[in-house]
Amino acid sequence: IIKQVYKRDTITYSKIDTLSSNVKGQTIICNVNSKLSFETKIKDTLLIEPVVYTMPNKIIAISDIEGEFEVLYKFLLNNKVIDEKFNWTFGNGHLVLNGDFFDRGLHVTECLWLIYDLEQKAKLNGGKVHFILGNHEIMNMNGDIGYVANKYIENTFLIKENYKNWYTTKTELGRWLQTKNIMEKIGEYLFVHGGISMELSDLNLSIVEINNLARPYYFKKKEINELQKEYILFDSETSPFWYRGIAKEVLSKKEIEMMLNKFNVTKMIIGHTITEKVEYLYSERVIKIDTKHSEGISEGLLVENNKEYRINIDGKKFRIE
């Protein structure tokens, strides 16, 4: 069953289609607004993403878009990741989306379908799209709608489907989200939405083990007992998608160095905590990339030729300070 909401002038209405044939390979159209729309195909298979990757020629990373589709589109377009028709133009480069693409904004679903589509296009060109789960992804997967824009609550009446049913193991996007990781290692970089707490670091788990422990509870956070290791992975004070201690420079440089060594990386890339511009912390061992996209201050990280830069929504490149 495909449920869509359309807007024409001031009128909003729904369309519900039932497909009798296999949905795999079917083309769907995502209408963003009167000027922007794109097509994507439903994937034949959904596979759990690898956790560790070798270093590509280029990485672009951006975080915390929170439903601001036009900001994401302009950022990707001007930084030559896509063209105006949503074709992948980043070659064998890797695009990292470092969590929190849900909530607050008005085009969350469109952002998700764009990521879903670009994954397929990147693969055909030798590139890769990484979608790291943040706290808002996990909240939506658990039916926590505290930050959901009212538009989506209104849409539940149009499509006759409770919002808590939108991202579950019974929906395509829900199953797709379940294949994603909460942290990944690319070359010598560790990408994680919030950061690594000392409580998590002290468990002495590998990146693979951490993801394997978390995945069964993506939709079942309430079932975790406080005595379990998984509790640290989901608790708002210690979770890698909630923790703010590194962003606020609570930990010592020695603790950061020890943590990076444990995961066999040299730098950690974090979002979740807002910064005015992409910046270094801890003598360039941590890079903070969550900027104010909704206010028109959109920046991301570019890694090329073993150097790091901050890039803005206009495609301009700057030195990170």
C-alpha atoms as a PDB file:
ATOM      1  CA  ILE A   1       0.000   0.000   0.000  1.00  0.00           C
ATOM      2  CA  ILE A   2       1.399   3.382  -1.021  1.00  0.00           C
ATOM      3  CA  LYS A   3       0.025   6.418   0.811  1.00  0.00           C
ATOM      4  CA  GLN A   4       0.878   9.907  -0.374  1.00  0.00           C
ATOM      5  CA  VAL A   5      -0.162  13.452   0.510  1.00  0.00           C
ATOM      6  CA  TYR A   6      -0.341  16.129  -2.170  1.00  0.00           C
ATOM      7  CA  LYS A   7      -0.757  19.871  -1.997  1.00  0.00           C
ATOM      8  CA  ARG A   8      -2.262  21.911  -4.824  1.00  0.00           C
ATOM      9  CA  ASP A   9      -2.543  25.636  -4.148  1.00  0.00           C
ATOM     10  CA  THR A  10      -4.158  25.743  -0.699  1.00  0.00           C
ATOM     11  CA  ILE A  11      -5.739  22.287  -0.882  1.00  0.00           C
ATOM     12  CA  THR A  12      -4.084  19.252   0.715  1.00  0.00           C
ATOM     13  CA  TYR A  13      -5.350  15.786  -0.157  1.00  0.00           C
ATOM     14  CA  SER A  14      -4.252  12.164  -0.020  1.00  0.00           C
ATOM     15  CA  LYS A  15      -3.924   9.354  -2.527  1.00  0.00           C
ATOM     16  CA  ILE A  16      -3.836   5.702  -1.467  1.00  0.00           C
ATOM     17  CA  ASP A  17      -2.823   2.984  -3.942  1.00  0.00           C
ATOM     18  CA  THR A  18      -2.848  -0.761  -3.446  1.00  0.00           C
ATOM     19  CA  LEU A  19      -0.388  -2.737  -5.541  1.00  0.00           C
ATOM     20  CA  SER A  20      -1.264  -6.308  -6.411  1.00  0.00           C
ATOM     21  CA  SER A  21       2.184  -7.120  -7.777  1.00  0.00           C
ATOM     22  CA  ASN A  22       5.566  -7.244  -6.032  1.00  0.00           C
ATOM     23  CA  VAL A  23       6.545  -3.800  -4.747  1.00  0.00           C
ATOM     24  CA  LYS A  24      10.267  -4.478  -5.305  1.00  0.00           C
ATOM     25  CA  GLY A  25      11.557  -2.488  -8.254  1.00  0.00           C
ATOM     26  CA  GLN A  26       8.454  -0.314  -8.420  1.00  0.00           C
ATOM     27  CA  THR A  27       9.073   3.358  -9.185  1.00  0.00           C
ATOM     28  CA  ILE A  28       7.584   5.927  -6.842  1.00  0.00           C
ATOM     29  CA  ILE A  29       7.513   9.699  -7.262  1.00  0.00           C
ATOM     30  CA  CYS A  30       8.400  11.979  -4.373  1.00  0.00           C
ATOM     31  CA  ASN A  31       6.876  15.442  -4.796  1.00  0.00           C
ATOM     32  CA  VAL A  32       8.636  17.985  -2.598  1.00  0.00           C
ATOM     33  CA  ASN A  33       6.951  21.135  -3.862  1.00  0.00           C
ATOM     34  CA  SER A  34       5.821  22.675  -7.152  1.00  0.00           C
ATOM     35  CA  LYS A  35       9.440  22.935  -8.341  1.00  0.00           C
ATOM     36  CA  LEU A  36      11.160  19.878  -6.912  1.00  0.00           C
ATOM     37  CA  SER A  37      10.315  16.216  -7.385  1.00  0.00           C
ATOM     38  CA  PHE A  38      12.262  13.031  -8.014  1.00  0.00           C
ATOM     39  CA  GLU A  39      11.723   9.352  -8.692  1.00  0.00           C
ATOM     40  CA  THR A  40      13.174   6.386  -6.866  1.00  0.00           C
ATOM     41  CA  LYS A  41      12.828   2.629  -7.077  1.00  0.00           C
ATOM     42  CA  ILE A  42      11.969   0.338  -4.197  1.00  0.00           C
ATOM     43  CA  LYS A  43      15.058  -1.746  -3.472  1.00  0.00           C
ATOM     44  CA  ASP A  44      15.106  -5.452  -4.243  1.00  0.00           C
ATOM     45  CA  THR A  45      16.819  -6.207  -0.945  1.00  0.00           C
ATOM     46  CA  LEU A  46      17.608  -4.382   2.288  1.00  0.00           C
ATOM     47  CA  LEU A  47      20.932  -5.435   3.790  1.00  0.00           C
ATOM     48  CA  ILE A  48      22.543  -4.408   7.068  1.00  0.00           C
ATOM     49  CA  GLU A  49      25.256  -1.869   6.309  1.00  0.00           C
ATOM     50  CA  PRO A  50      28.930  -2.661   6.940  1.00  0.00           C
ATOM     51  CA  VAL A  51      30.522  -0.827   9.860  1.00  0.00           C
ATOM     52  CA  VAL A  52      34.144  -0.394   8.753  1.00  0.00           C
ATOM     53  CA  TYR A  53      35.265   1.091   5.416  1.00  0.00           C
ATOM     54  CA  THR A  54      38.575   1.897   3.774  1.00  0.00           C
ATOM     55  CA  MET A  55      39.295   5.550   3.118  1.00  0.00           C
ATOM     56  CA  PRO A  56      37.779   6.871  -0.155  1.00  0.00           C
ATOM     57  CA  ASN A  57      39.225   9.668  -2.273  1.00  0.00           C
ATOM     58  CA  LYS A  58      36.717  12.154  -0.865  1.00  0.00           C
ATOM     59  CA  ILE A  59      34.256  12.402   2.009  1.00  0.00           C
ATOM     60  CA  ILE A  60      31.557  14.991   2.489  1.00  0.00           C
ATOM     61  CA  ALA A  61      29.668  14.887   5.788  1.00  0.00           C
ATOM     62  CA  ILE A  62      26.681  16.876   7.017  1.00  0.00           C
ATOM     63  CA  SER A  63      24.518  16.460  10.096  1.00  0.00           C
ATOM     64  CA  ASP A  64      21.195  17.424  11.706  1.00  0.00           C
ATOM     65  CA  ILE A  65      19.233  18.503   8.617  1.00  0.00           C
ATOM     66  CA  GLU A  66      15.952  17.909  10.539  1.00  0.00           C
ATOM     67  CA  GLY A  67      13.579  17.910   7.578  1.00  0.00           C
ATOM     68  CA  GLU A  68      15.056  20.951   5.771  1.00  0.00           C
ATOM     69  CA  PHE A  69      14.925  19.345   2.320  1.00  0.00           C
ATOM     70  CA  GLU A  70      15.685  22.452   0.270  1.00  0.00           C
ATOM     71  CA  VAL A  71      18.751  23.169   2.408  1.00  0.00           C
ATOM     72  CA  LEU A  72      19.981  19.607   1.872  1.00  0.00           C
ATOM     73  CA  TYR A  73      19.280  19.803  -1.868  1.00  0.00           C
ATOM     74  CA  LYS A  74      21.131  23.101  -2.270  1.00  0.00           C
ATOM     75  CA  PHE A  75      24.075  21.904  -0.176  1.00  0.00           C
ATOM     76  CA  LEU A  76      24.456  18.691  -2.192  1.00  0.00           C
ATOM     77  CA  LEU A  77      23.952  20.503  -5.498  1.00  0.00           C
ATOM     78  CA  ASN A  78      26.476  23.285  -4.862  1.00  0.00           C
ATOM     79  CA  ASN A  79      29.052  20.878  -3.476  1.00  0.00           C
ATOM     80  CA  LYS A  80      28.728  18.737  -6.618  1.00  0.00           C
ATOM     81  CA  VAL A  81      27.304  15.640  -4.935  1.00  0.00           C
ATOM     82  CA  ILE A  82      24.203  15.756  -7.157  1.00  0.00           C
ATOM     83  CA  ASP A  83      22.997  17.720 -10.161  1.00  0.00           C
ATOM     84  CA  GLU A  84      19.719  19.614 -10.523  1.00  0.00           C
ATOM     85  CA  LYS A  85      17.925  16.404 -11.558  1.00  0.00           C
ATOM     86  CA  PHE A  86      19.094  14.494  -8.463  1.00  0.00           C
ATOM     87  CA  ASN A  87      21.694  12.451 -10.368  1.00  0.00           C
ATOM     88  CA  TRP A  88      24.776  11.405  -8.376  1.00  0.00           C
ATOM     89  CA  THR A  89      27.808  13.446  -9.501  1.00  0.00           C
ATOM     90  CA  PHE A  90      30.238  12.660  -6.659  1.00  0.00           C
ATOM     91  CA  GLY A  91      31.858   9.697  -8.431  1.00  0.00           C
ATOM     92  CA  ASN A  92      33.457   7.266  -5.989  1.00  0.00           C
ATOM     93  CA  GLY A  93      33.234   9.757  -3.121  1.00  0.00           C
ATOM     94  CA  HIS A  94      31.417   8.996   0.118  1.00  0.00           C
ATOM     95  CA  LEU A  95      28.573  11.098   1.534  1.00  0.00           C
ATOM     96  CA  VAL A  96      28.055  10.767   5.288  1.00  0.00           C
ATOM     97  CA  LEU A  97      24.771  11.900   6.829  1.00  0.00           C
ATOM     98  CA  ASN A  98      25.569  12.021  10.517  1.00  0.00           C
ATOM     99  CA  GLY A  99      22.113  11.658  12.056  1.00  0.00           C
ATOM    100  CA  ASP A 100      19.004  13.680  12.925  1.00  0.00           C
ATOM    101  CA  PHE A 101      17.249  14.056   9.595  1.00  0.00           C
ATOM    102  CA  PHE A 102      13.907  13.630  11.409  1.00  0.00           C
ATOM    103  CA  ASP A 103      11.683  16.120  13.278  1.00  0.00           C
ATOM    104  CA  ARG A 104      11.091  19.872  13.399  1.00  0.00           C
ATOM    105  CA  GLY A 105      11.237  20.500   9.618  1.00  0.00           C
ATOM    106  CA  LEU A 106       8.426  20.073   7.088  1.00  0.00           C
ATOM    107  CA  HIS A 107      10.072  17.663   4.634  1.00  0.00           C
ATOM    108  CA  VAL A 108      11.366  14.769   6.692  1.00  0.00           C
ATOM    109  CA  THR A 109       9.857  12.030   4.536  1.00  0.00           C
ATOM    110  CA  GLU A 110      11.234  13.636   1.389  1.00  0.00           C
ATOM    111  CA  CYS A 111      14.728  13.774   2.937  1.00  0.00           C
ATOM    112  CA  LEU A 112      14.533  10.078   3.774  1.00  0.00           C
ATOM    113  CA  TRP A 113      13.416   9.066   0.285  1.00  0.00           C
ATOM    114  CA  LEU A 114      16.201  11.186  -1.222  1.00  0.00           C
ATOM    115  CA  ILE A 115      18.796   9.389   0.922  1.00  0.00           C
ATOM    116  CA  TYR A 116      17.206   6.061  -0.017  1.00  0.00           C
ATOM    117  CA  ASP A 117      17.458   7.021  -3.699  1.00  0.00           C
ATOM    118  CA  LEU A 118      21.002   8.414  -3.580  1.00  0.00           C
ATOM    119  CA  GLU A 119      22.252   5.218  -1.958  1.00  0.00           C
ATOM    120  CA  GLN A 120      21.334   3.342  -5.113  1.00  0.00           C
ATOM    121  CA  LYS A 121      22.744   5.960  -7.474  1.00  0.00           C
ATOM    122  CA  ALA A 122      26.010   6.264  -5.542  1.00  0.00           C
ATOM    123  CA  LYS A 123      26.536   2.513  -5.643  1.00  0.00           C
ATOM    124  CA  LEU A 124      26.152   2.459  -9.429  1.00  0.00           C
ATOM    125  CA  ASN A 125      28.936   5.051  -9.675  1.00  0.00           C
ATOM    126  CA  GLY A 126      31.325   3.429  -7.217  1.00  0.00           C
ATOM    127  CA  GLY A 127      30.401   5.841  -4.419  1.00  0.00           C
ATOM    128  CA  LYS A 128      28.665   5.365  -1.089  1.00  0.00           C
ATOM    129  CA  VAL A 129      26.040   7.052   1.076  1.00  0.00           C
ATOM    130  CA  HIS A 130      26.299   6.473   4.832  1.00  0.00           C
ATOM    131  CA  PHE A 131      23.279   7.292   6.994  1.00  0.00           C
ATOM    132  CA  ILE A 132      24.224   7.236  10.690  1.00  0.00           C
ATOM    133  CA  LEU A 133      21.276   7.101  13.089  1.00  0.00           C
ATOM    134  CA  GLY A 134      20.840   9.958  15.541  1.00  0.00           C
ATOM    135  CA  ASN A 135      18.604  10.362  18.577  1.00  0.00           C
ATOM    136  CA  HIS A 136      15.697  11.692  16.494  1.00  0.00           C
ATOM    137  CA  GLU A 137      15.765   8.666  14.200  1.00  0.00           C
ATOM    138  CA  ILE A 138      15.610   6.365  17.233  1.00  0.00           C
ATOM    139  CA  MET A 139      12.855   8.486  18.814  1.00  0.00           C
ATOM    140  CA  ASN A 140      10.654   8.186  15.735  1.00  0.00           C
ATOM    141  CA  MET A 141      11.329   4.465  15.440  1.00  0.00           C
ATOM    142  CA  ASN A 142      10.045   4.161  19.022  1.00  0.00           C
ATOM    143  CA  GLY A 143       6.927   6.261  18.503  1.00  0.00           C
ATOM    144  CA  ASP A 144       8.261   9.324  20.364  1.00  0.00           C
ATOM    145  CA  ILE A 145       6.613  12.187  18.477  1.00  0.00           C
ATOM    146  CA  GLY A 146       7.510  15.083  20.778  1.00  0.00           C
ATOM    147  CA  TYR A 147       9.417  16.977  18.057  1.00  0.00           C
ATOM    148  CA  VAL A 148       7.372  15.947  15.016  1.00  0.00           C
ATOM    149  CA  ALA A 149       6.079  18.914  12.984  1.00  0.00           C
ATOM    150  CA  ASN A 150       2.310  19.378  13.236  1.00  0.00           C
ATOM    151  CA  LYS A 151       2.023  18.890   9.463  1.00  0.00           C
ATOM    152  CA  TYR A 152       2.709  15.188   9.956  1.00  0.00           C
ATOM    153  CA  ILE A 153       0.121  14.815  12.689  1.00  0.00           C
ATOM    154  CA  GLU A 154      -2.434  16.397  10.340  1.00  0.00           C
ATOM    155  CA  ASN A 155      -1.332  14.038   7.557  1.00  0.00           C
ATOM    156  CA  THR A 156      -2.162  11.023   9.732  1.00  0.00           C
ATOM    157  CA  PHE A 157      -5.836  11.898   9.315  1.00  0.00           C
ATOM    158  CA  LEU A 158      -5.475  12.314   5.548  1.00  0.00           C
ATOM    159  CA  ILE A 159      -3.857   8.924   5.000  1.00  0.00           C
ATOM    160  CA  LYS A 160      -5.704   7.234   7.888  1.00  0.00           C
ATOM    161  CA  GLU A 161      -2.498   5.941   9.460  1.00  0.00           C
ATOM    162  CA  ASN A 162      -1.245   6.684  12.978  1.00  0.00           C
ATOM    163  CA  TYR A 163       2.199   8.335  12.825  1.00  0.00           C
ATOM    164  CA  LYS A 164       3.596   5.681  15.155  1.00  0.00           C
ATOM    165  CA  ASN A 165       3.063   3.182  12.340  1.00  0.00           C
ATOM    166  CA  TRP A 166       5.097   5.084   9.751  1.00  0.00           C
ATOM    167  CA  TYR A 167       8.566   3.841  10.721  1.00  0.00           C
ATOM    168  CA  THR A 168       8.272   0.238  11.857  1.00  0.00           C
ATOM    169  CA  THR A 169       9.364  -3.188  10.612  1.00  0.00           C
ATOM    170  CA  LYS A 170       6.128  -3.238   8.595  1.00  0.00           C
ATOM    171  CA  THR A 171       7.071  -0.248   6.417  1.00  0.00           C
ATOM    172  CA  GLU A 172       9.753   0.126   3.763  1.00  0.00           C
ATOM    173  CA  LEU A 173      11.431   3.118   5.411  1.00  0.00           C
ATOM    174  CA  GLY A 174      11.267   1.443   8.819  1.00  0.00           C
ATOM    175  CA  ARG A 175      12.958  -1.718   7.554  1.00  0.00           C
ATOM    176  CA  TRP A 176      15.493   0.436   5.713  1.00  0.00           C
ATOM    177  CA  LEU A 177      16.316   2.377   8.895  1.00  0.00           C
ATOM    178  CA  GLN A 178      16.937  -0.908  10.686  1.00  0.00           C
ATOM    179  CA  THR A 179      19.861  -1.590   8.326  1.00  0.00           C
ATOM    180  CA  LYS A 180      21.670   1.566   9.471  1.00  0.00           C
ATOM    181  CA  ASN A 181      24.386   1.875  12.108  1.00  0.00           C
ATOM    182  CA  ILE A 182      24.816   4.174  15.102  1.00  0.00           C
ATOM    183  CA  MET A 183      28.520   4.616  14.370  1.00  0.00           C
ATOM    184  CA  GLU A 184      30.875   3.809  11.518  1.00  0.00           C
ATOM    185  CA  LYS A 185      34.616   3.906  10.858  1.00  0.00           C
ATOM    186  CA  ILE A 186      35.737   5.255   7.492  1.00  0.00           C
ATOM    187  CA  GLY A 187      39.500   5.204   7.087  1.00  0.00           C
ATOM    188  CA  GLU A 188      40.818   6.755  10.303  1.00  0.00           C
ATOM    189  CA  TYR A 189      37.594   8.691  11.014  1.00  0.00           C
ATOM    190  CA  LEU A 190      34.888   7.643  13.472  1.00  0.00           C
ATOM    191  CA  PHE A 191      31.444   9.025  12.596  1.00  0.00           C
ATOM    192  CA  VAL A 192      28.930   9.130  15.448  1.00  0.00           C
ATOM    193  CA  HIS A 193      25.981  11.441  15.989  1.00  0.00           C
ATOM    194  CA  GLY A 194      26.491  12.566  19.587  1.00  0.00           C
ATOM    195  CA  GLY A 195      29.815  11.242  20.819  1.00  0.00           C
ATOM    196  CA  ILE A 196      31.353   8.490  22.921  1.00  0.00           C
ATOM    197  CA  SER A 197      30.809   8.617  26.680  1.00  0.00           C
ATOM    198  CA  MET A 198      33.361   7.189  29.092  1.00  0.00           C
ATOM    199  CA  GLU A 199      30.699   4.701  30.213  1.00  0.00           C
ATOM    200  CA  LEU A 200      30.469   3.366  26.667  1.00  0.00           C
ATOM    201  CA  SER A 201      34.227   3.464  26.140  1.00  0.00           C
ATOM    202  CA  ASP A 202      34.768   1.491  29.358  1.00  0.00           C
ATOM    203  CA  LEU A 203      32.698  -1.420  27.988  1.00  0.00           C
ATOM    204  CA  ASN A 204      35.684  -2.126  25.704  1.00  0.00           C
ATOM    205  CA  LEU A 205      33.444  -3.104  22.799  1.00  0.00           C
ATOM    206  CA  SER A 206      34.425  -2.844  19.148  1.00  0.00           C
ATOM    207  CA  ILE A 207      32.456  -0.668  16.728  1.00  0.00           C
ATOM    208  CA  VAL A 208      30.966  -3.834  15.220  1.00  0.00           C
ATOM    209  CA  GLU A 209      29.932  -5.130  18.659  1.00  0.00           C
ATOM    210  CA  ILE A 210      28.321  -1.822  19.592  1.00  0.00           C
ATOM    211  CA  ASN A 211      26.183  -1.793  16.449  1.00  0.00           C
ATOM    212  CA  ASN A 212      25.246  -5.443  16.883  1.00  0.00           C
ATOM    213  CA  LEU A 213      24.135  -4.800  20.481  1.00  0.00           C
ATOM    214  CA  ALA A 214      22.035  -1.779  19.542  1.00  0.00           C
ATOM    215  CA  ARG A 215      20.251  -2.994  16.414  1.00  0.00           C
ATOM    216  CA  PRO A 216      17.740  -5.407  18.046  1.00  0.00           C
ATOM    217  CA  TYR A 217      16.447  -2.515  20.163  1.00  0.00           C
ATOM    218  CA  TYR A 218      16.030   0.175  17.499  1.00  0.00           C
ATOM    219  CA  PHE A 219      12.245  -0.212  17.788  1.00  0.00           C
ATOM    220  CA  LYS A 220      12.165  -1.620  21.342  1.00  0.00           C
ATOM    221  CA  LYS A 221      14.049   0.851  23.531  1.00  0.00           C
ATOM    222  CA  LYS A 222      11.570   0.455  26.399  1.00  0.00           C
ATOM    223  CA  GLU A 223      12.431  -3.233  26.707  1.00  0.00           C
ATOM    224  CA  ILE A 224      16.027  -2.577  27.787  1.00  0.00           C
ATOM    225  CA  ASN A 225      16.845  -3.334  31.425  1.00  0.00           C
ATOM    226  CA  GLU A 226      19.003  -0.762  33.265  1.00  0.00           C
ATOM    227  CA  LEU A 227      21.535  -3.452  34.138  1.00  0.00           C
ATOM    228  CA  GLN A 228      22.204  -4.409  30.534  1.00  0.00           C
ATOM    229  CA  LYS A 229      25.042  -3.100  28.371  1.00  0.00           C
ATOM    230  CA  GLU A 230      22.412  -1.990  25.879  1.00  0.00           C
ATOM    231  CA  TYR A 231      21.117   0.513  28.459  1.00  0.00           C
ATOM    232  CA  ILE A 232      24.313   2.542  28.054  1.00  0.00           C
ATOM    233  CA  LEU A 233      23.747   2.539  24.277  1.00  0.00           C
ATOM    234  CA  PHE A 234      20.271   4.113  24.605  1.00  0.00           C
ATOM    235  CA  ASP A 235      20.388   6.171  27.822  1.00  0.00           C
ATOM    236  CA  SER A 236      20.216   9.920  27.210  1.00  0.00           C
ATOM    237  CA  GLU A 237      23.313  10.538  29.364  1.00  0.00           C
ATOM    238  CA  THR A 238      25.609   7.902  27.847  1.00  0.00           C
ATOM    239  CA  SER A 239      24.261   6.930  24.409  1.00  0.00           C
ATOM    240  CA  PRO A 240      26.421   7.586  21.327  1.00  0.00           C
ATOM    241  CA  PHE A 241      23.458   9.348  19.706  1.00  0.00           C
ATOM    242  CA  TRP A 242      22.612  11.452  22.813  1.00  0.00           C
ATOM    243  CA  TYR A 243      25.910  12.172  24.592  1.00  0.00           C
ATOM    244  CA  ARG A 244      27.082  15.819  24.539  1.00  0.00           C
ATOM    245  CA  GLY A 245      30.124  15.615  26.801  1.00  0.00           C
ATOM    246  CA  ILE A 246      32.648  15.708  23.966  1.00  0.00           C
ATOM    247  CA  ALA A 247      30.890  18.581  22.194  1.00  0.00           C
ATOM    248  CA  LYS A 248      30.954  20.526  25.486  1.00  0.00           C
ATOM    249  CA  GLU A 249      34.598  19.518  26.081  1.00  0.00           C
ATOM    250  CA  VAL A 250      33.817  17.842  29.410  1.00  0.00           C
ATOM    251  CA  LEU A 251      36.345  15.058  28.855  1.00  0.00           C
ATOM    252  CA  SER A 252      40.093  15.542  29.043  1.00  0.00           C
ATOM    253  CA  LYS A 253      42.373  15.392  26.017  1.00  0.00           C
ATOM    254  CA  LYS A 254      43.935  12.255  27.496  1.00  0.00           C
ATOM    255  CA  GLU A 255      40.520  10.565  27.678  1.00  0.00           C
ATOM    256  CA  ILE A 256      39.821  11.487  24.048  1.00  0.00           C
ATOM    257  CA  GLU A 257      43.185  10.111  22.928  1.00  0.00           C
ATOM    258  CA  MET A 258      42.564   6.852  24.794  1.00  0.00           C
ATOM    259  CA  MET A 259      39.090   6.554  23.293  1.00  0.00           C
ATOM    260  CA  LEU A 260      40.292   7.133  19.726  1.00  0.00           C
ATOM    261  CA  ASN A 261      43.048   4.574  20.201  1.00  0.00           C
ATOM    262  CA  LYS A 262      40.493   2.002  21.380  1.00  0.00           C
ATOM    263  CA  PHE A 263      38.552   2.360  18.157  1.00  0.00           C
ATOM    264  CA  ASN A 264      41.717   2.546  16.049  1.00  0.00           C
ATOM    265  CA  VAL A 265      40.893   5.979  14.620  1.00  0.00           C
ATOM    266  CA  THR A 266      42.642   9.342  14.686  1.00  0.00           C
ATOM    267  CA  LYS A 267      39.572  11.616  14.610  1.00  0.00           C
ATOM    268  CA  MET A 268      35.926  11.627  15.609  1.00  0.00           C
ATOM    269  CA  ILE A 269      33.171  13.461  13.683  1.00  0.00           C
ATOM    270  CA  ILE A 270      30.115  14.480  15.738  1.00  0.00           C
ATOM    271  CA  GLY A 271      26.825  16.323  15.213  1.00  0.00           C
ATOM    272  CA  HIS A 272      23.954  16.720  17.715  1.00  0.00           C
ATOM    273  CA  THR A 273      25.288  19.846  19.474  1.00  0.00           C
ATOM    274  CA  ILE A 274      24.979  23.084  17.512  1.00  0.00           C
ATOM    275  CA  THR A 275      28.035  25.064  16.462  1.00  0.00           C
ATOM    276  CA  GLU A 276      28.186  28.334  14.517  1.00  0.00           C
ATOM    277  CA  LYS A 277      30.530  26.744  11.992  1.00  0.00           C
ATOM    278  CA  VAL A 278      32.307  23.434  11.517  1.00  0.00           C
ATOM    279  CA  GLU A 279      35.088  23.485  14.093  1.00  0.00           C
ATOM    280  CA  TYR A 280      37.882  21.499  15.679  1.00  0.00           C
ATOM    281  CA  LEU A 281      37.913  20.406  19.315  1.00  0.00           C
ATOM    282  CA  TYR A 282      40.647  18.699  21.327  1.00  0.00           C
ATOM    283  CA  SER A 283      43.588  19.832  19.195  1.00  0.00           C
ATOM    284  CA  GLU A 284      41.899  18.771  15.941  1.00  0.00           C
ATOM    285  CA  ARG A 285      41.050  15.247  17.150  1.00  0.00           C
ATOM    286  CA  VAL A 286      37.296  15.944  17.126  1.00  0.00           C
ATOM    287  CA  ILE A 287      35.333  17.765  14.411  1.00  0.00           C
ATOM    288  CA  LYS A 288      31.936  19.246  15.284  1.00  0.00           C
ATOM    289  CA  ILE A 289      29.578  19.648  12.286  1.00  0.00           C
ATOM    290  CA  ASP A 290      26.006  20.455  13.470  1.00  0.00           C
ATOM    291  CA  THR A 291      25.240  23.964  12.176  1.00  0.00           C
ATOM    292  CA  LYS A 292      22.003  26.002  12.122  1.00  0.00           C
ATOM    293  CA  HIS A 293      20.471  24.751   8.877  1.00  0.00           C
ATOM    294  CA  SER A 294      17.004  26.142   9.604  1.00  0.00           C
ATOM    295  CA  GLU A 295      18.537  29.624   9.949  1.00  0.00           C
ATOM    296  CA  GLY A 296      20.397  29.401   6.650  1.00  0.00           C
ATOM    297  CA  ILE A 297      23.772  28.616   8.241  1.00  0.00           C
ATOM    298  CA  SER A 298      24.587  25.312   6.588  1.00  0.00           C
ATOM    299  CA  GLU A 299      28.044  23.843   6.654  1.00  0.00           C
ATOM    300  CA  GLY A 300      29.556  20.411   6.308  1.00  0.00           C
ATOM    301  CA  LEU A 301      32.906  18.672   6.324  1.00  0.00           C
ATOM    302  CA  LEU A 302      35.015  17.880   3.261  1.00  0.00           C
ATOM    303  CA  VAL A 303      37.971  15.495   3.445  1.00  0.00           C
ATOM    304  CA  GLU A 304      40.169  15.289   0.359  1.00  0.00           C
ATOM    305  CA  ASN A 305      43.887  14.741  -0.213  1.00  0.00           C
ATOM    306  CA  ASN A 306      44.290  13.973   3.502  1.00  0.00           C
ATOM    307  CA  LYS A 307      43.096  17.472   4.412  1.00  0.00           C
ATOM    308  CA  GLU A 308      39.910  18.648   6.116  1.00  0.00           C
ATOM    309  CA  TYR A 309      37.843  21.676   5.161  1.00  0.00           C
ATOM    310  CA  ARG A 310      34.515  23.188   6.104  1.00  0.00           C
ATOM    311  CA  ILE A 311      32.203  23.748   3.156  1.00  0.00           C
ATOM    312  CA  ASN A 312      29.054  25.833   3.053  1.00  0.00           C
ATOM    313  CA  ILE A 313      25.717  25.693   1.263  1.00  0.00           C
ATOM    314  CA  ASP A 314      27.139  27.729  -1.638  1.00  0.00           C
ATOM    315  CA  GLY A 315      29.918  25.207  -2.259  1.00  0.00           C
ATOM    316  CA  LYS A 316      32.693  27.401  -0.854  1.00  0.00           C
ATOM    317  CA  LYS A 317      35.624  25.806   0.964  1.00  0.00           C
ATOM    318  CA  PHE A 318      37.349  27.149   4.081  1.00  0.00           C
ATOM    319  CA  ARG A 319      40.013  26.140   6.554  1.00  0.00           C
ATOM    320  CA  ILE A 320      38.664  24.650   9.781  1.00  0.00           C
ATOM    321  CA  GLU A 321      39.643  26.481  12.955  1.00  0.00           C
END
